[in-house]
Amino acid sequence: MDASILESIGVLITGPASAIFVCLVFFYFSYKMIVEKAIPSLQENVDKILAEHREDRLAWQESIKIMSQRLEKVEDEVKEIKMLCLNKSNNTEV
């Protein structure tokens, strides 16, 4: 073979063409890793977080219901105390 042909092949193997090839291979495997590993892993984490959020939300709603029931009892008792105080003050004025 002619030396200039070997030199041309050597330049292609070690020059910009090989750099482009290496970059393409790198990007291909990076893309493959992201699509096959990272995205499913992130999706699992998101699903787990959403499930925990649903549980927390149910617990929060239940605690709000309990607090509302307790508040209603306190309001009723305060009304009774007010009525007793008003009746007592009205009876002492007469």
PDB file of N, CA and C in Angstrom:
ATOM      1  N   MET A   1       0.828  -1.187   0.000  1.00  0.00           N
ATOM      2  CA  MET A   1       0.000   0.000   0.000  1.00  0.00           C
ATOM      3  C   MET A   1       0.867   1.243   0.000  1.00  0.00           C
ATOM      4  N   ASP A   2       0.325   2.236  -0.506  1.00  0.00           N
ATOM      5  CA  ASP A   2       1.017   3.519  -0.605  1.00  0.00           C
ATOM      6  C   ASP A   2       1.076   4.151   0.786  1.00  0.00           C
ATOM      7  N   ALA A   3       2.176   4.804   1.083  1.00  0.00           N
ATOM      8  CA  ALA A   3       2.360   5.441   2.392  1.00  0.00           C
ATOM      9  C   ALA A   3       1.343   6.549   2.634  1.00  0.00           C
ATOM     10  N   SER A   4       0.970   7.257   1.579  1.00  0.00           N
ATOM     11  CA  SER A   4      -0.003   8.344   1.753  1.00  0.00           C
ATOM     12  C   SER A   4      -1.387   7.798   2.108  1.00  0.00           C
ATOM     13  N   ILE A   5      -1.715   6.617   1.598  1.00  0.00           N
ATOM     14  CA  ILE A   5      -3.007   6.005   1.947  1.00  0.00           C
ATOM     15  C   ILE A   5      -2.996   5.591   3.411  1.00  0.00           C
ATOM     16  N   LEU A   6      -1.900   4.982   3.842  1.00  0.00           N
ATOM     17  CA  LEU A   6      -1.783   4.599   5.253  1.00  0.00           C
ATOM     18  C   LEU A   6      -1.798   5.828   6.147  1.00  0.00           C
ATOM     19  N   GLU A   7      -1.172   6.865   5.703  1.00  0.00           N
ATOM     20  CA  GLU A   7      -1.164   8.105   6.473  1.00  0.00           C
ATOM     21  C   GLU A   7      -2.573   8.682   6.563  1.00  0.00           C
ATOM     22  N   SER A   8      -3.314   8.629   5.480  1.00  0.00           N
ATOM     23  CA  SER A   8      -4.699   9.132   5.472  1.00  0.00           C
ATOM     24  C   SER A   8      -5.573   8.319   6.418  1.00  0.00           C
ATOM     25  N   ILE A   9      -5.387   6.998   6.389  1.00  0.00           N
ATOM     26  CA  ILE A   9      -6.148   6.132   7.293  1.00  0.00           C
ATOM     27  C   ILE A   9      -5.763   6.417   8.739  1.00  0.00           C
ATOM     28  N   GLY A  10      -4.483   6.607   8.978  1.00  0.00           N
ATOM     29  CA  GLY A  10      -4.013   6.931  10.335  1.00  0.00           C
ATOM     30  C   GLY A  10      -4.600   8.239  10.840  1.00  0.00           C
ATOM     31  N   VAL A  11      -4.676   9.218   9.969  1.00  0.00           N
ATOM     32  CA  VAL A  11      -5.255  10.509  10.355  1.00  0.00           C
ATOM     33  C   VAL A  11      -6.735  10.349  10.688  1.00  0.00           C
ATOM     34  N   LEU A  12      -7.454   9.540   9.898  1.00  0.00           N
ATOM     35  CA  LEU A  12      -8.876   9.307  10.172  1.00  0.00           C
ATOM     36  C   LEU A  12      -9.083   8.584  11.500  1.00  0.00           C
ATOM     37  N   ILE A  13      -8.199   7.608  11.780  1.00  0.00           N
ATOM     38  CA  ILE A  13      -8.340   6.817  13.005  1.00  0.00           C
ATOM     39  C   ILE A  13      -8.007   7.655  14.237  1.00  0.00           C
ATOM     40  N   THR A  14      -7.021   8.502  14.127  1.00  0.00           N
ATOM     41  CA  THR A  14      -6.582   9.262  15.301  1.00  0.00           C
ATOM     42  C   THR A  14      -7.041  10.710  15.291  1.00  0.00           C
ATOM     43  N   GLY A  15      -7.711  11.146  14.263  1.00  0.00           N
ATOM     44  CA  GLY A  15      -8.070  12.556  14.137  1.00  0.00           C
ATOM     45  C   GLY A  15      -9.506  12.852  14.529  1.00  0.00           C
ATOM     46  N   PRO A  16     -10.073  13.847  13.899  1.00  0.00           N
ATOM     47  CA  PRO A  16     -11.417  14.316  14.235  1.00  0.00           C
ATOM     48  C   PRO A  16     -12.492  13.261  14.026  1.00  0.00           C
ATOM     49  N   ALA A  17     -12.338  12.407  13.049  1.00  0.00           N
ATOM     50  CA  ALA A  17     -13.352  11.381  12.800  1.00  0.00           C
ATOM     51  C   ALA A  17     -13.458  10.432  13.991  1.00  0.00           C
ATOM     52  N   SER A  18     -12.336  10.056  14.558  1.00  0.00           N
ATOM     53  CA  SER A  18     -12.380   9.161  15.713  1.00  0.00           C
ATOM     54  C   SER A  18     -12.961   9.879  16.927  1.00  0.00           C
ATOM     55  N   ALA A  19     -12.684  11.160  17.042  1.00  0.00           N
ATOM     56  CA  ALA A  19     -13.254  11.926  18.157  1.00  0.00           C
ATOM     57  C   ALA A  19     -14.771  11.985  18.040  1.00  0.00           C
ATOM     58  N   ILE A  20     -15.260  12.174  16.828  1.00  0.00           N
ATOM     59  CA  ILE A  20     -16.713  12.189  16.622  1.00  0.00           C
ATOM     60  C   ILE A  20     -17.297  10.820  16.942  1.00  0.00           C
ATOM     61  N   PHE A  21     -16.620   9.766  16.502  1.00  0.00           N
ATOM     62  CA  PHE A  21     -17.087   8.413  16.794  1.00  0.00           C
ATOM     63  C   PHE A  21     -17.142   8.160  18.303  1.00  0.00           C
ATOM     64  N   VAL A  22     -16.086   8.551  19.013  1.00  0.00           N
ATOM     65  CA  VAL A  22     -16.048   8.371  20.465  1.00  0.00           C
ATOM     66  C   VAL A  22     -17.183   9.156  21.128  1.00  0.00           C
ATOM     67  N   CYS A  23     -17.431  10.374  20.672  1.00  0.00           N
ATOM     68  CA  CYS A  23     -18.523  11.186  21.224  1.00  0.00           C
ATOM     69  C   CYS A  23     -19.868  10.527  20.972  1.00  0.00           C
ATOM     70  N   LEU A  24     -20.079  10.012  19.766  1.00  0.00           N
ATOM     71  CA  LEU A  24     -21.344   9.334  19.454  1.00  0.00           C
ATOM     72  C   LEU A  24     -21.558   8.104  20.326  1.00  0.00           C
ATOM     73  N   VAL A  25     -20.493   7.323  20.499  1.00  0.00           N
ATOM     74  CA  VAL A  25     -20.597   6.140  21.361  1.00  0.00           C
ATOM     75  C   VAL A  25     -20.894   6.559  22.792  1.00  0.00           C
ATOM     76  N   PHE A  26     -20.210   7.584  23.270  1.00  0.00           N
ATOM     77  CA  PHE A  26     -20.438   8.079  24.629  1.00  0.00           C
ATOM     78  C   PHE A  26     -21.886   8.550  24.804  1.00  0.00           C
ATOM     79  N   PHE A  27     -22.375   9.341  23.859  1.00  0.00           N
ATOM     80  CA  PHE A  27     -23.751   9.840  23.959  1.00  0.00           C
ATOM     81  C   PHE A  27     -24.771   8.717  23.859  1.00  0.00           C
ATOM     82  N   TYR A  28     -24.518   7.723  23.035  1.00  0.00           N
ATOM     83  CA  TYR A  28     -25.431   6.590  22.917  1.00  0.00           C
ATOM     84  C   TYR A  28     -25.553   5.851  24.245  1.00  0.00           C
ATOM     85  N   PHE A  29     -24.400   5.517  24.849  1.00  0.00           N
ATOM     86  CA  PHE A  29     -24.449   4.781  26.105  1.00  0.00           C
ATOM     87  C   PHE A  29     -24.980   5.644  27.254  1.00  0.00           C
ATOM     88  N   SER A  30     -24.709   6.928  27.202  1.00  0.00           N
ATOM     89  CA  SER A  30     -25.280   7.823  28.223  1.00  0.00           C
ATOM     90  C   SER A  30     -26.794   7.868  28.100  1.00  0.00           C
ATOM     91  N   TYR A  31     -27.290   8.020  26.890  1.00  0.00           N
ATOM     92  CA  TYR A  31     -28.734   8.026  26.647  1.00  0.00           C
ATOM     93  C   TYR A  31     -29.365   6.717  27.099  1.00  0.00           C
ATOM     94  N   LYS A  32     -28.725   5.617  26.742  1.00  0.00           N
ATOM     95  CA  LYS A  32     -29.236   4.292  27.101  1.00  0.00           C
ATOM     96  C   LYS A  32     -29.302   4.130  28.626  1.00  0.00           C
ATOM     97  N   MET A  33     -28.271   4.586  29.316  1.00  0.00           N
ATOM     98  CA  MET A  33     -28.252   4.485  30.774  1.00  0.00           C
ATOM     99  C   MET A  33     -29.362   5.335  31.396  1.00  0.00           C
ATOM    100  N   ILE A  34     -29.528   6.534  30.887  1.00  0.00           N
ATOM    101  CA  ILE A  34     -30.556   7.425  31.433  1.00  0.00           C
ATOM    102  C   ILE A  34     -31.945   6.833  31.218  1.00  0.00           C
ATOM    103  N   VAL A  35     -32.194   6.341  30.009  1.00  0.00           N
ATOM    104  CA  VAL A  35     -33.523   5.813  29.682  1.00  0.00           C
ATOM    105  C   VAL A  35     -33.802   4.515  30.428  1.00  0.00           C
ATOM    106  N   GLU A  36     -32.824   3.650  30.554  1.00  0.00           N
ATOM    107  CA  GLU A  36     -33.059   2.338  31.159  1.00  0.00           C
ATOM    108  C   GLU A  36     -32.903   2.324  32.672  1.00  0.00           C
ATOM    109  N   LYS A  37     -32.080   3.188  33.229  1.00  0.00           N
ATOM    110  CA  LYS A  37     -31.794   3.132  34.667  1.00  0.00           C
ATOM    111  C   LYS A  37     -32.345   4.330  35.433  1.00  0.00           C
ATOM    112  N   ALA A  38     -31.991   5.517  35.003  1.00  0.00           N
ATOM    113  CA  ALA A  38     -32.305   6.711  35.794  1.00  0.00           C
ATOM    114  C   ALA A  38     -33.792   7.030  35.804  1.00  0.00           C
ATOM    115  N   ILE A  39     -34.421   7.022  34.642  1.00  0.00           N
ATOM    116  CA  ILE A  39     -35.842   7.394  34.582  1.00  0.00           C
ATOM    117  C   ILE A  39     -36.714   6.407  35.351  1.00  0.00           C
ATOM    118  N   PRO A  40     -36.568   5.094  35.180  1.00  0.00           N
ATOM    119  CA  PRO A  40     -37.381   4.179  35.996  1.00  0.00           C
ATOM    120  C   PRO A  40     -37.118   4.335  37.496  1.00  0.00           C
ATOM    121  N   SER A  41     -35.883   4.594  37.862  1.00  0.00           N
ATOM    122  CA  SER A  41     -35.560   4.792  39.274  1.00  0.00           C
ATOM    123  C   SER A  41     -36.254   6.036  39.814  1.00  0.00           C
ATOM    124  N   LEU A  42     -36.213   7.101  39.039  1.00  0.00           N
ATOM    125  CA  LEU A  42     -36.894   8.330  39.458  1.00  0.00           C
ATOM    126  C   LEU A  42     -38.398   8.119  39.539  1.00  0.00           C
ATOM    127  N   GLN A  43     -38.960   7.370  38.603  1.00  0.00           N
ATOM    128  CA  GLN A  43     -40.399   7.100  38.612  1.00  0.00           C
ATOM    129  C   GLN A  43     -40.786   6.324  39.862  1.00  0.00           C
ATOM    130  N   GLU A  44     -39.968   5.357  40.256  1.00  0.00           N
ATOM    131  CA  GLU A  44     -40.243   4.605  41.484  1.00  0.00           C
ATOM    132  C   GLU A  44     -40.232   5.530  42.693  1.00  0.00           C
ATOM    133  N   ASN A  45     -39.272   6.453  42.742  1.00  0.00           N
ATOM    134  CA  ASN A  45     -39.210   7.397  43.856  1.00  0.00           C
ATOM    135  C   ASN A  45     -40.428   8.298  43.878  1.00  0.00           C
ATOM    136  N   VAL A  46     -40.848   8.762  42.716  1.00  0.00           N
ATOM    137  CA  VAL A  46     -42.034   9.625  42.639  1.00  0.00           C
ATOM    138  C   VAL A  46     -43.270   8.854  43.094  1.00  0.00           C
ATOM    139  N   ASP A  47     -43.408   7.611  42.659  1.00  0.00           N
ATOM    140  CA  ASP A  47     -44.547   6.792  43.074  1.00  0.00           C
ATOM    141  C   ASP A  47     -44.549   6.583  44.587  1.00  0.00           C
ATOM    142  N   LYS A  48     -43.386   6.346  45.151  1.00  0.00           N
ATOM    143  CA  LYS A  48     -43.273   6.147  46.599  1.00  0.00           C
ATOM    144  C   LYS A  48     -43.659   7.420  47.343  1.00  0.00           C
ATOM    145  N   ILE A  49     -43.170   8.562  46.874  1.00  0.00           N
ATOM    146  CA  ILE A  49     -43.488   9.842  47.520  1.00  0.00           C
ATOM    147  C   ILE A  49     -44.989  10.125  47.441  1.00  0.00           C
ATOM    148  N   LEU A  50     -45.592   9.848  46.288  1.00  0.00           N
ATOM    149  CA  LEU A  50     -47.031  10.076  46.141  1.00  0.00           C
ATOM    150  C   LEU A  50     -47.846   9.161  47.060  1.00  0.00           C
ATOM    151  N   ALA A  51     -47.428   7.915  47.202  1.00  0.00           N
ATOM    152  CA  ALA A  51     -48.127   6.995  48.101  1.00  0.00           C
ATOM    153  C   ALA A  51     -48.032   7.481  49.547  1.00  0.00           C
ATOM    154  N   GLU A  52     -46.850   7.930  49.953  1.00  0.00           N
ATOM    155  CA  GLU A  52     -46.691   8.467  51.306  1.00  0.00           C
ATOM    156  C   GLU A  52     -47.539   9.719  51.498  1.00  0.00           C
ATOM    157  N   HIS A  53     -47.611  10.540  50.469  1.00  0.00           N
ATOM    158  CA  HIS A  53     -48.420  11.764  50.552  1.00  0.00           C
ATOM    159  C   HIS A  53     -49.894  11.418  50.737  1.00  0.00           C
ATOM    160  N   ARG A  54     -50.373  10.403  50.019  1.00  0.00           N
ATOM    161  CA  ARG A  54     -51.776   9.992  50.167  1.00  0.00           C
ATOM    162  C   ARG A  54     -52.049   9.538  51.601  1.00  0.00           C
ATOM    163  N   GLU A  55     -51.128   8.760  52.165  1.00  0.00           N
ATOM    164  CA  GLU A  55     -51.296   8.304  53.547  1.00  0.00           C
ATOM    165  C   GLU A  55     -51.307   9.490  54.509  1.00  0.00           C
ATOM    166  N   ASP A  56     -50.376  10.423  54.322  1.00  0.00           N
ATOM    167  CA  ASP A  56     -50.324  11.610  55.177  1.00  0.00           C
ATOM    168  C   ASP A  56     -51.597  12.427  55.043  1.00  0.00           C
ATOM    169  N   ARG A  57     -52.100  12.539  53.834  1.00  0.00           N
ATOM    170  CA  ARG A  57     -53.317  13.315  53.583  1.00  0.00           C
ATOM    171  C   ARG A  57     -54.505  12.700  54.308  1.00  0.00           C
ATOM    172  N   LEU A  58     -54.627  11.376  54.265  1.00  0.00           N
ATOM    173  CA  LEU A  58     -55.723  10.701  54.965  1.00  0.00           C
ATOM    174  C   LEU A  58     -55.612  10.905  56.476  1.00  0.00           C
ATOM    175  N   ALA A  59     -54.402  10.806  57.002  1.00  0.00           N
ATOM    176  CA  ALA A  59     -54.208  11.027  58.437  1.00  0.00           C
ATOM    177  C   ALA A  59     -54.550  12.468  58.805  1.00  0.00           C
ATOM    178  N   TRP A  60     -54.166  13.406  57.967  1.00  0.00           N
ATOM    179  CA  TRP A  60     -54.465  14.821  58.221  1.00  0.00           C
ATOM    180  C   TRP A  60     -55.970  15.051  58.203  1.00  0.00           C
ATOM    181  N   GLN A  61     -56.668  14.483  57.223  1.00  0.00           N
ATOM    182  CA  GLN A  61     -58.116  14.659  57.149  1.00  0.00           C
ATOM    183  C   GLN A  61     -58.806  14.073  58.373  1.00  0.00           C
ATOM    184  N   GLU A  62     -58.334  12.931  58.811  1.00  0.00           N
ATOM    185  CA  GLU A  62     -58.922  12.311  60.002  1.00  0.00           C
ATOM    186  C   GLU A  62     -58.695  13.178  61.239  1.00  0.00           C
ATOM    187  N   SER A  63     -57.501  13.731  61.368  1.00  0.00           N
ATOM    188  CA  SER A  63     -57.228  14.580  62.535  1.00  0.00           C
ATOM    189  C   SER A  63     -58.059  15.858  62.492  1.00  0.00           C
ATOM    190  N   ILE A  64     -58.307  16.405  61.310  1.00  0.00           N
ATOM    191  CA  ILE A  64     -59.157  17.590  61.192  1.00  0.00           C
ATOM    192  C   ILE A  64     -60.585  17.256  61.610  1.00  0.00           C
ATOM    193  N   LYS A  65     -61.078  16.087  61.229  1.00  0.00           N
ATOM    194  CA  LYS A  65     -62.430  15.679  61.640  1.00  0.00           C
ATOM    195  C   LYS A  65     -62.525  15.578  63.163  1.00  0.00           C
ATOM    196  N   ILE A  66     -61.515  14.970  63.773  1.00  0.00           N
ATOM    197  CA  ILE A  66     -61.508  14.822  65.237  1.00  0.00           C
ATOM    198  C   ILE A  66     -61.459  16.195  65.905  1.00  0.00           C
ATOM    199  N   MET A  67     -60.615  17.080  65.401  1.00  0.00           N
ATOM    200  CA  MET A  67     -60.525  18.432  65.976  1.00  0.00           C
ATOM    201  C   MET A  67     -61.837  19.182  65.826  1.00  0.00           C
ATOM    202  N   SER A  68     -62.508  19.007  64.715  1.00  0.00           N
ATOM    203  CA  SER A  68     -63.788  19.672  64.491  1.00  0.00           C
ATOM    204  C   SER A  68     -64.828  19.174  65.478  1.00  0.00           C
ATOM    205  N   GLN A  69     -64.853  17.876  65.723  1.00  0.00           N
ATOM    206  CA  GLN A  69     -65.797  17.317  66.699  1.00  0.00           C
ATOM    207  C   GLN A  69     -65.505  17.847  68.106  1.00  0.00           C
ATOM    208  N   ARG A  70     -64.245  17.922  68.473  1.00  0.00           N
ATOM    209  CA  ARG A  70     -63.883  18.451  69.789  1.00  0.00           C
ATOM    210  C   ARG A  70     -64.255  19.921  69.911  1.00  0.00           C
ATOM    211  N   LEU A  71     -64.031  20.677  68.836  1.00  0.00           N
ATOM    212  CA  LEU A  71     -64.361  22.096  68.847  1.00  0.00           C
ATOM    213  C   LEU A  71     -65.866  22.298  69.018  1.00  0.00           C
ATOM    214  N   GLU A  72     -66.662  21.469  68.375  1.00  0.00           N
ATOM    215  CA  GLU A  72     -68.113  21.576  68.534  1.00  0.00           C
ATOM    216  C   GLU A  72     -68.518  21.348  69.990  1.00  0.00           C
ATOM    217  N   LYS A  73     -67.897  20.376  70.641  1.00  0.00           N
ATOM    218  CA  LYS A  73     -68.194  20.118  72.063  1.00  0.00           C
ATOM    219  C   LYS A  73     -67.815  21.325  72.917  1.00  0.00           C
ATOM    220  N   VAL A  74     -66.655  21.905  72.657  1.00  0.00           N
ATOM    221  CA  VAL A  74     -66.204  23.073  73.419  1.00  0.00           C
ATOM    222  C   VAL A  74     -67.149  24.250  73.189  1.00  0.00           C
ATOM    223  N   GLU A  75     -67.577  24.451  71.954  1.00  0.00           N
ATOM    224  CA  GLU A  75     -68.508  25.545  71.658  1.00  0.00           C
ATOM    225  C   GLU A  75     -69.820  25.361  72.406  1.00  0.00           C
ATOM    226  N   ASP A  76     -70.301  24.124  72.439  1.00  0.00           N
ATOM    227  CA  ASP A  76     -71.547  23.853  73.178  1.00  0.00           C
ATOM    228  C   ASP A  76     -71.370  24.146  74.665  1.00  0.00           C
ATOM    229  N   GLU A  77     -70.241  23.740  75.211  1.00  0.00           N
ATOM    230  CA  GLU A  77     -69.997  23.981  76.629  1.00  0.00           C
ATOM    231  C   GLU A  77     -69.858  25.474  76.918  1.00  0.00           C
ATOM    232  N   VAL A  78     -69.219  26.219  76.038  1.00  0.00           N
ATOM    233  CA  VAL A  78     -69.072  27.663  76.223  1.00  0.00           C
ATOM    234  C   VAL A  78     -70.441  28.332  76.176  1.00  0.00           C
ATOM    235  N   LYS A  79     -71.308  27.884  75.283  1.00  0.00           N
ATOM    236  CA  LYS A  79     -72.668  28.434  75.214  1.00  0.00           C
ATOM    237  C   LYS A  79     -73.415  28.195  76.524  1.00  0.00           C
ATOM    238  N   GLU A  80     -73.271  26.984  77.044  1.00  0.00           N
ATOM    239  CA  GLU A  80     -73.937  26.663  78.318  1.00  0.00           C
ATOM    240  C   GLU A  80     -73.404  27.555  79.440  1.00  0.00           C
ATOM    241  N   ILE A  81     -72.105  27.742  79.491  1.00  0.00           N
ATOM    242  CA  ILE A  81     -71.506  28.585  80.533  1.00  0.00           C
ATOM    243  C   ILE A  81     -71.994  30.021  80.390  1.00  0.00           C
ATOM    244  N   LYS A  82     -72.073  30.525  79.180  1.00  0.00           N
ATOM    245  CA  LYS A  82     -72.575  31.883  78.953  1.00  0.00           C
ATOM    246  C   LYS A  82     -74.017  32.016  79.423  1.00  0.00           C
ATOM    247  N   MET A  83     -74.811  31.018  79.065  1.00  0.00           N
ATOM    248  CA  MET A  83     -76.217  31.061  79.468  1.00  0.00           C
ATOM    249  C   MET A  83     -76.342  31.034  80.990  1.00  0.00           C
ATOM    250  N   LEU A  84     -75.537  30.209  81.634  1.00  0.00           N
ATOM    251  CA  LEU A  84     -75.578  30.138  83.097  1.00  0.00           C
ATOM    252  C   LEU A  84     -75.142  31.467  83.712  1.00  0.00           C
ATOM    253  N   CYS A  85     -74.099  32.054  83.154  1.00  0.00           N
ATOM    254  CA  CYS A  85     -73.612  33.335  83.666  1.00  0.00           C
ATOM    255  C   CYS A  85     -74.642  34.435  83.454  1.00  0.00           C
ATOM    256  N   LEU A  86     -75.255  34.455  82.283  1.00  0.00           N
ATOM    257  CA  LEU A  86     -76.277  35.464  82.009  1.00  0.00           C
ATOM    258  C   LEU A  86     -77.488  35.278  82.919  1.00  0.00           C
ATOM    259  N   ASN A  87     -77.909  34.049  83.100  1.00  0.00           N
ATOM    260  CA  ASN A  87     -79.052  33.777  83.990  1.00  0.00           C
ATOM    261  C   ASN A  87     -78.728  34.150  85.425  1.00  0.00           C
ATOM    262  N   LYS A  88     -77.533  33.855  85.845  1.00  0.00           N
ATOM    263  CA  LYS A  88     -77.132  34.168  87.213  1.00  0.00           C
ATOM    264  C   LYS A  88     -77.070  35.683  87.409  1.00  0.00           C
ATOM    265  N   SER A  89     -76.529  36.401  86.411  1.00  0.00           N
ATOM    266  CA  SER A  89     -76.441  37.870  86.534  1.00  0.00           C
ATOM    267  C   SER A  89     -77.841  38.489  86.472  1.00  0.00           C
ATOM    268  N   ASN A  90     -78.737  37.938  85.702  1.00  0.00           N
ATOM    269  CA  ASN A  90     -80.108  38.456  85.616  1.00  0.00           C
ATOM    270  C   ASN A  90     -80.851  38.188  86.924  1.00  0.00           C
ATOM    271  N   ASN A  91     -80.608  37.076  87.534  1.00  0.00           N
ATOM    272  CA  ASN A  91     -81.292  36.721  88.787  1.00  0.00           C
ATOM    273  C   ASN A  91     -80.788  37.582  89.946  1.00  0.00           C
ATOM    274  N   THR A  92     -79.552  37.967  89.949  1.00  0.00           N
ATOM    275  CA  THR A  92     -79.023  38.757  91.054  1.00  0.00           C
ATOM    276  C   THR A  92     -79.433  40.218  90.928  1.00  0.00           C
ATOM    277  N   GLU A  93     -79.759  40.680  89.748  1.00  0.00           N
ATOM    278  CA  GLU A  93     -80.166  42.076  89.561  1.00  0.00           C
ATOM    279  C   GLU A  93     -81.593  42.300  90.044  1.00  0.00           C
ATOM    280  N   VAL A  94     -82.399  41.332  90.005  1.00  0.00           N
ATOM    281  CA  VAL A  94     -83.804  41.508  90.351  1.00  0.00           C
ATOM    282  C   VAL A  94     -84.025  41.623  91.798  1.00  0.00           C
TER     283      VAL A  94
END
